[in-house]
Amino acid sequence: MSGLAHQVGLFYTAVEDLLAHVALVFDEEVPRGEHWHRELLRGAALELPGLRPAVLGADLTNELDEYRRFRHRIRHVYLPPVPDWHKMAHLVDRLADVHGELDRQVRQFIAFLQHLAGST
């Protein structure tokens, strides 16, 4: 269970690394403070008119927020670190679909970047 929980957490960490890079390039900073993880995710769902479209749609953002909250729990709550299968089963079951939708939306954002690069 711990290994599987760790892998689910790593998935969200990779998502967050991607979003942090986008924030650095477009917003010129990553959110700070106690709730920066949540703000980073929510910021990716916002369209910044004249700068960039939303990176993530609202539904995907809500799903990824569940992964964010789970990662927080496995990092800070479980002592000893043996997660409850019932708290993570739906995340494991949905992981492939969430990853697929993330891939689709990121590719759409990359297409925006390619269009932007071609129009300068």
N, C-alpha and C. Protein backbone atom coordinates (compact mmCIF):
# COMPACT_ATOMS: atom_id res chain seq x y z
N MET A 1 0.82 -1.19 0.00
CA MET A 1 0.00 0.00 0.00
C MET A 1 0.87 1.26 0.00
N SER A 2 1.91 1.24 0.78
CA SER A 2 2.77 2.43 0.86
C SER A 2 3.42 2.74 -0.48
N GLY A 3 3.87 1.71 -1.19
CA GLY A 3 4.49 1.91 -2.49
C GLY A 3 3.50 2.47 -3.50
N LEU A 4 2.29 1.95 -3.49
CA LEU A 4 1.27 2.44 -4.40
C LEU A 4 0.90 3.89 -4.06
N ALA A 5 0.76 4.19 -2.79
CA ALA A 5 0.47 5.56 -2.36
C ALA A 5 1.59 6.50 -2.80
N HIS A 6 2.81 6.03 -2.68
CA HIS A 6 3.96 6.84 -3.09
C HIS A 6 3.91 7.14 -4.59
N GLN A 7 3.55 6.15 -5.40
CA GLN A 7 3.46 6.33 -6.84
C GLN A 7 2.35 7.32 -7.21
N VAL A 8 1.23 7.24 -6.52
CA VAL A 8 0.14 8.19 -6.75
C VAL A 8 0.63 9.60 -6.40
N GLY A 9 1.35 9.72 -5.30
CA GLY A 9 1.92 11.01 -4.91
C GLY A 9 2.92 11.53 -5.93
N LEU A 10 3.74 10.65 -6.47
CA LEU A 10 4.71 11.05 -7.49
C LEU A 10 4.03 11.56 -8.75
N PHE A 11 2.91 10.95 -9.10
CA PHE A 11 2.15 11.43 -10.26
C PHE A 11 1.79 12.90 -10.05
N TYR A 12 1.24 13.22 -8.88
CA TYR A 12 0.85 14.60 -8.67
C TYR A 12 2.06 15.53 -8.58
N THR A 13 3.15 15.05 -8.04
CA THR A 13 4.36 15.87 -7.98
C THR A 13 4.82 16.23 -9.39
N ALA A 14 4.73 15.30 -10.33
CA ALA A 14 5.10 15.59 -11.72
C ALA A 14 4.16 16.63 -12.32
N VAL A 15 2.87 16.51 -12.02
CA VAL A 15 1.90 17.50 -12.49
C VAL A 15 2.27 18.88 -11.95
N GLU A 16 2.57 18.93 -10.68
CA GLU A 16 2.90 20.20 -10.04
C GLU A 16 4.19 20.80 -10.61
N ASP A 17 5.18 19.96 -10.90
CA ASP A 17 6.42 20.45 -11.52
C ASP A 17 6.11 21.11 -12.87
N LEU A 18 5.26 20.49 -13.65
CA LEU A 18 4.86 21.05 -14.94
C LEU A 18 4.17 22.40 -14.75
N LEU A 19 3.23 22.45 -13.83
CA LEU A 19 2.48 23.69 -13.60
C LEU A 19 3.37 24.80 -13.05
N ALA A 20 4.34 24.43 -12.24
CA ALA A 20 5.28 25.43 -11.71
C ALA A 20 6.11 26.02 -12.84
N HIS A 21 6.50 25.20 -13.80
CA HIS A 21 7.27 25.70 -14.93
C HIS A 21 6.43 26.68 -15.75
N VAL A 22 5.18 26.33 -16.00
CA VAL A 22 4.29 27.23 -16.74
C VAL A 22 4.13 28.54 -15.97
N ALA A 23 3.94 28.46 -14.66
CA ALA A 23 3.78 29.67 -13.85
C ALA A 23 5.02 30.54 -13.92
N LEU A 24 6.19 29.94 -13.89
CA LEU A 24 7.43 30.72 -13.97
C LEU A 24 7.55 31.44 -15.31
N VAL A 25 7.19 30.76 -16.37
CA VAL A 25 7.32 31.35 -17.71
C VAL A 25 6.28 32.44 -17.94
N PHE A 26 5.02 32.18 -17.59
CA PHE A 26 3.95 33.12 -17.92
C PHE A 26 3.64 34.11 -16.80
N ASP A 27 3.69 33.65 -15.58
CA ASP A 27 3.33 34.51 -14.45
C ASP A 27 4.58 35.10 -13.78
N GLU A 28 5.74 34.57 -14.17
CA GLU A 28 7.05 34.98 -13.67
C GLU A 28 7.27 34.66 -12.20
N GLU A 29 6.41 33.84 -11.62
CA GLU A 29 6.63 33.37 -10.25
C GLU A 29 5.69 32.21 -9.94
N VAL A 30 6.10 31.42 -8.99
CA VAL A 30 5.27 30.35 -8.46
C VAL A 30 4.62 30.90 -7.20
N PRO A 31 3.35 30.61 -6.97
CA PRO A 31 2.72 31.12 -5.75
C PRO A 31 3.54 30.77 -4.51
N ARG A 32 3.40 31.58 -3.50
CA ARG A 32 4.11 31.36 -2.24
C ARG A 32 3.10 31.28 -1.11
N GLY A 33 3.61 30.92 0.05
CA GLY A 33 2.76 30.90 1.23
C GLY A 33 2.27 29.50 1.57
N GLU A 34 1.47 29.45 2.58
CA GLU A 34 1.01 28.18 3.13
C GLU A 34 0.19 27.35 2.14
N HIS A 35 -0.54 28.00 1.26
CA HIS A 35 -1.44 27.29 0.34
C HIS A 35 -0.96 27.36 -1.11
N TRP A 36 0.35 27.44 -1.30
CA TRP A 36 0.85 27.64 -2.65
C TRP A 36 0.54 26.46 -3.57
N HIS A 37 0.48 25.26 -3.03
CA HIS A 37 0.19 24.08 -3.87
C HIS A 37 -1.20 24.21 -4.49
N ARG A 38 -2.16 24.59 -3.67
CA ARG A 38 -3.54 24.75 -4.14
C ARG A 38 -3.64 25.94 -5.11
N GLU A 39 -2.97 27.03 -4.78
CA GLU A 39 -3.01 28.22 -5.64
C GLU A 39 -2.37 27.94 -7.01
N LEU A 40 -1.30 27.16 -7.03
CA LEU A 40 -0.66 26.80 -8.29
C LEU A 40 -1.63 26.04 -9.19
N LEU A 41 -2.31 25.06 -8.63
CA LEU A 41 -3.28 24.27 -9.39
C LEU A 41 -4.44 25.14 -9.86
N ARG A 42 -4.99 25.92 -8.98
CA ARG A 42 -6.12 26.78 -9.36
C ARG A 42 -5.71 27.83 -10.39
N GLY A 43 -4.49 28.34 -10.26
CA GLY A 43 -4.00 29.32 -11.23
C GLY A 43 -3.89 28.74 -12.63
N ALA A 44 -3.57 27.46 -12.72
CA ALA A 44 -3.46 26.80 -14.03
C ALA A 44 -4.81 26.68 -14.71
N ALA A 45 -5.89 26.78 -13.94
CA ALA A 45 -7.23 26.68 -14.50
C ALA A 45 -7.77 28.04 -14.94
N LEU A 46 -7.00 29.09 -14.71
CA LEU A 46 -7.44 30.43 -15.08
C LEU A 46 -6.90 30.84 -16.43
N GLU A 47 -7.76 31.44 -17.22
CA GLU A 47 -7.30 32.06 -18.45
C GLU A 47 -6.76 33.43 -18.09
N LEU A 48 -5.62 33.77 -18.63
CA LEU A 48 -5.04 35.10 -18.43
C LEU A 48 -5.13 35.82 -19.76
N PRO A 49 -6.21 36.59 -19.97
CA PRO A 49 -6.44 37.23 -21.27
C PRO A 49 -5.22 38.03 -21.73
N GLY A 50 -4.88 37.83 -22.99
CA GLY A 50 -3.74 38.50 -23.57
C GLY A 50 -2.41 37.85 -23.25
N LEU A 51 -2.42 36.85 -22.39
CA LEU A 51 -1.18 36.19 -21.99
C LEU A 51 -1.19 34.71 -22.33
N ARG A 52 -2.21 34.01 -21.81
CA ARG A 52 -2.29 32.58 -22.07
C ARG A 52 -3.71 32.08 -21.79
N PRO A 53 -4.10 30.97 -22.44
CA PRO A 53 -5.37 30.34 -22.08
C PRO A 53 -5.19 29.53 -20.79
N ALA A 54 -6.28 29.05 -20.26
CA ALA A 54 -6.19 28.14 -19.12
C ALA A 54 -5.39 26.91 -19.56
N VAL A 55 -4.53 26.44 -18.69
CA VAL A 55 -3.75 25.24 -18.98
C VAL A 55 -4.62 24.01 -18.77
N LEU A 56 -5.44 24.05 -17.73
CA LEU A 56 -6.30 22.93 -17.34
C LEU A 56 -7.75 23.37 -17.30
N GLY A 57 -8.63 22.45 -17.67
CA GLY A 57 -10.05 22.70 -17.55
C GLY A 57 -10.51 22.51 -16.10
N ALA A 58 -11.70 23.00 -15.81
CA ALA A 58 -12.23 22.96 -14.44
C ALA A 58 -12.40 21.53 -13.93
N ASP A 59 -12.94 20.64 -14.74
CA ASP A 59 -13.15 19.26 -14.29
C ASP A 59 -11.83 18.57 -13.96
N LEU A 60 -10.85 18.73 -14.84
CA LEU A 60 -9.55 18.12 -14.58
C LEU A 60 -8.90 18.74 -13.34
N THR A 61 -9.03 20.03 -13.19
CA THR A 61 -8.48 20.71 -12.01
C THR A 61 -9.07 20.12 -10.73
N ASN A 62 -10.37 19.89 -10.73
CA ASN A 62 -11.02 19.30 -9.55
C ASN A 62 -10.50 17.89 -9.28
N GLU A 63 -10.32 17.12 -10.34
CA GLU A 63 -9.78 15.77 -10.14
C GLU A 63 -8.35 15.81 -9.63
N LEU A 64 -7.54 16.68 -10.22
CA LEU A 64 -6.15 16.78 -9.78
C LEU A 64 -6.06 17.29 -8.35
N ASP A 65 -7.03 18.07 -7.92
CA ASP A 65 -7.02 18.55 -6.54
C ASP A 65 -7.17 17.39 -5.56
N GLU A 66 -7.89 16.35 -5.95
CA GLU A 66 -7.97 15.16 -5.10
C GLU A 66 -6.61 14.50 -4.95
N TYR A 67 -5.84 14.46 -6.04
CA TYR A 67 -4.49 13.90 -5.98
C TYR A 67 -3.58 14.78 -5.11
N ARG A 68 -3.76 16.09 -5.23
CA ARG A 68 -2.97 17.01 -4.40
C ARG A 68 -3.26 16.77 -2.92
N ARG A 69 -4.52 16.68 -2.57
CA ARG A 69 -4.89 16.46 -1.16
C ARG A 69 -4.39 15.11 -0.67
N PHE A 70 -4.47 14.10 -1.51
CA PHE A 70 -3.98 12.78 -1.12
C PHE A 70 -2.48 12.81 -0.88
N ARG A 71 -1.75 13.45 -1.79
CA ARG A 71 -0.30 13.54 -1.61
C ARG A 71 0.04 14.24 -0.30
N HIS A 72 -0.71 15.27 0.03
CA HIS A 72 -0.47 15.96 1.30
C HIS A 72 -0.67 15.00 2.48
N ARG A 73 -1.74 14.21 2.41
CA ARG A 73 -2.01 13.26 3.51
C ARG A 73 -0.90 12.23 3.63
N ILE A 74 -0.42 11.69 2.49
CA ILE A 74 0.61 10.66 2.61
C ILE A 74 1.93 11.23 3.08
N ARG A 75 2.15 12.51 2.81
CA ARG A 75 3.40 13.14 3.26
C ARG A 75 3.34 13.57 4.72
N HIS A 76 2.18 13.92 5.21
CA HIS A 76 2.10 14.58 6.50
C HIS A 76 1.24 13.91 7.56
N VAL A 77 0.41 12.96 7.17
CA VAL A 77 -0.55 12.43 8.14
C VAL A 77 -0.26 11.00 8.57
N TYR A 78 0.02 10.13 7.62
CA TYR A 78 0.15 8.71 7.94
C TYR A 78 1.40 8.42 8.75
N LEU A 79 1.22 7.99 9.97
CA LEU A 79 2.32 7.56 10.84
C LEU A 79 1.86 6.33 11.59
N PRO A 80 2.35 5.17 11.33
CA PRO A 80 3.31 4.83 10.27
C PRO A 80 2.67 4.99 8.90
N PRO A 81 3.47 5.12 7.86
CA PRO A 81 2.92 5.39 6.53
C PRO A 81 2.28 4.18 5.87
N VAL A 82 1.12 3.80 6.35
CA VAL A 82 0.34 2.71 5.75
C VAL A 82 -1.01 3.29 5.38
N PRO A 83 -1.17 3.75 4.14
CA PRO A 83 -2.42 4.39 3.74
C PRO A 83 -3.59 3.41 3.69
N ASP A 84 -4.75 3.94 3.85
CA ASP A 84 -6.00 3.19 3.80
C ASP A 84 -6.41 3.02 2.33
N TRP A 85 -6.56 1.78 1.89
CA TRP A 85 -6.92 1.51 0.50
C TRP A 85 -8.22 2.22 0.12
N HIS A 86 -9.15 2.30 1.02
CA HIS A 86 -10.44 2.93 0.71
C HIS A 86 -10.29 4.43 0.42
N LYS A 87 -9.24 5.05 0.93
CA LYS A 87 -9.02 6.47 0.68
C LYS A 87 -8.26 6.71 -0.62
N MET A 88 -7.72 5.67 -1.21
CA MET A 88 -6.93 5.87 -2.43
C MET A 88 -7.40 5.03 -3.61
N ALA A 89 -8.32 4.11 -3.41
CA ALA A 89 -8.74 3.20 -4.49
C ALA A 89 -9.25 3.96 -5.71
N HIS A 90 -10.10 4.96 -5.49
CA HIS A 90 -10.65 5.69 -6.64
C HIS A 90 -9.57 6.49 -7.37
N LEU A 91 -8.53 6.93 -6.65
CA LEU A 91 -7.43 7.64 -7.30
C LEU A 91 -6.63 6.70 -8.18
N VAL A 92 -6.38 5.51 -7.68
CA VAL A 92 -5.66 4.50 -8.47
C VAL A 92 -6.50 4.11 -9.68
N ASP A 93 -7.80 3.87 -9.46
CA ASP A 93 -8.68 3.46 -10.56
C ASP A 93 -8.79 4.53 -11.65
N ARG A 94 -8.75 5.78 -11.28
CA ARG A 94 -8.91 6.89 -12.23
C ARG A 94 -7.60 7.38 -12.83
N LEU A 95 -6.48 6.89 -12.33
CA LEU A 95 -5.19 7.46 -12.71
C LEU A 95 -4.95 7.45 -14.22
N ALA A 96 -5.22 6.37 -14.88
CA ALA A 96 -4.98 6.30 -16.33
C ALA A 96 -5.85 7.29 -17.08
N ASP A 97 -7.11 7.41 -16.69
CA ASP A 97 -8.01 8.37 -17.36
C ASP A 97 -7.59 9.81 -17.08
N VAL A 98 -7.23 10.09 -15.84
CA VAL A 98 -6.79 11.45 -15.48
C VAL A 98 -5.51 11.78 -16.23
N HIS A 99 -4.58 10.84 -16.28
CA HIS A 99 -3.34 11.06 -17.02
C HIS A 99 -3.63 11.31 -18.49
N GLY A 100 -4.54 10.55 -19.07
CA GLY A 100 -4.89 10.73 -20.48
C GLY A 100 -5.49 12.11 -20.74
N GLU A 101 -6.36 12.56 -19.86
CA GLU A 101 -6.97 13.88 -20.02
C GLU A 101 -5.94 14.97 -19.80
N LEU A 102 -5.05 14.78 -18.85
CA LEU A 102 -3.97 15.73 -18.63
C LEU A 102 -3.10 15.82 -19.89
N ASP A 103 -2.75 14.71 -20.46
CA ASP A 103 -1.95 14.68 -21.68
C ASP A 103 -2.66 15.45 -22.80
N ARG A 104 -3.96 15.23 -22.95
CA ARG A 104 -4.72 15.91 -23.99
C ARG A 104 -4.70 17.42 -23.77
N GLN A 105 -4.93 17.85 -22.54
CA GLN A 105 -4.99 19.29 -22.27
C GLN A 105 -3.62 19.95 -22.36
N VAL A 106 -2.60 19.26 -21.95
CA VAL A 106 -1.24 19.82 -22.06
C VAL A 106 -0.86 19.93 -23.54
N ARG A 107 -1.22 18.94 -24.34
CA ARG A 107 -0.93 19.03 -25.77
C ARG A 107 -1.67 20.20 -26.41
N GLN A 108 -2.87 20.46 -25.94
CA GLN A 108 -3.63 21.60 -26.43
C GLN A 108 -2.91 22.91 -26.05
N PHE A 109 -2.37 22.97 -24.85
CA PHE A 109 -1.62 24.15 -24.42
C PHE A 109 -0.33 24.29 -25.24
N ILE A 110 0.32 23.19 -25.53
CA ILE A 110 1.53 23.22 -26.36
C ILE A 110 1.20 23.74 -27.75
N ALA A 111 0.04 23.35 -28.27
CA ALA A 111 -0.38 23.86 -29.59
C ALA A 111 -0.53 25.38 -29.53
N PHE A 112 -1.05 25.91 -28.43
CA PHE A 112 -1.13 27.35 -28.25
C PHE A 112 0.27 27.96 -28.29
N LEU A 113 1.22 27.34 -27.59
CA LEU A 113 2.59 27.85 -27.57
C LEU A 113 3.21 27.83 -28.96
N GLN A 114 2.97 26.75 -29.71
CA GLN A 114 3.50 26.65 -31.06
C GLN A 114 2.89 27.72 -31.97
N HIS A 115 1.60 27.96 -31.80
CA HIS A 115 0.95 29.02 -32.58
C HIS A 115 1.54 30.38 -32.21
N LEU A 116 1.75 30.60 -30.92
CA LEU A 116 2.33 31.85 -30.44
C LEU A 116 3.74 32.04 -31.01
N ALA A 117 4.53 30.98 -31.00
CA ALA A 117 5.89 31.06 -31.52
C ALA A 117 5.89 31.31 -33.03
N GLY A 118 4.92 30.78 -33.72
CA GLY A 118 4.84 30.97 -35.16
C GLY A 118 4.33 32.33 -35.56
N SER A 119 3.66 33.02 -34.66
CA SER A 119 3.08 34.31 -35.01
C SER A 119 3.95 35.49 -34.59
N THR A 120 5.15 35.19 -34.04
CA THR A 120 6.03 36.30 -33.63
C THR A 120 7.08 36.59 -34.66
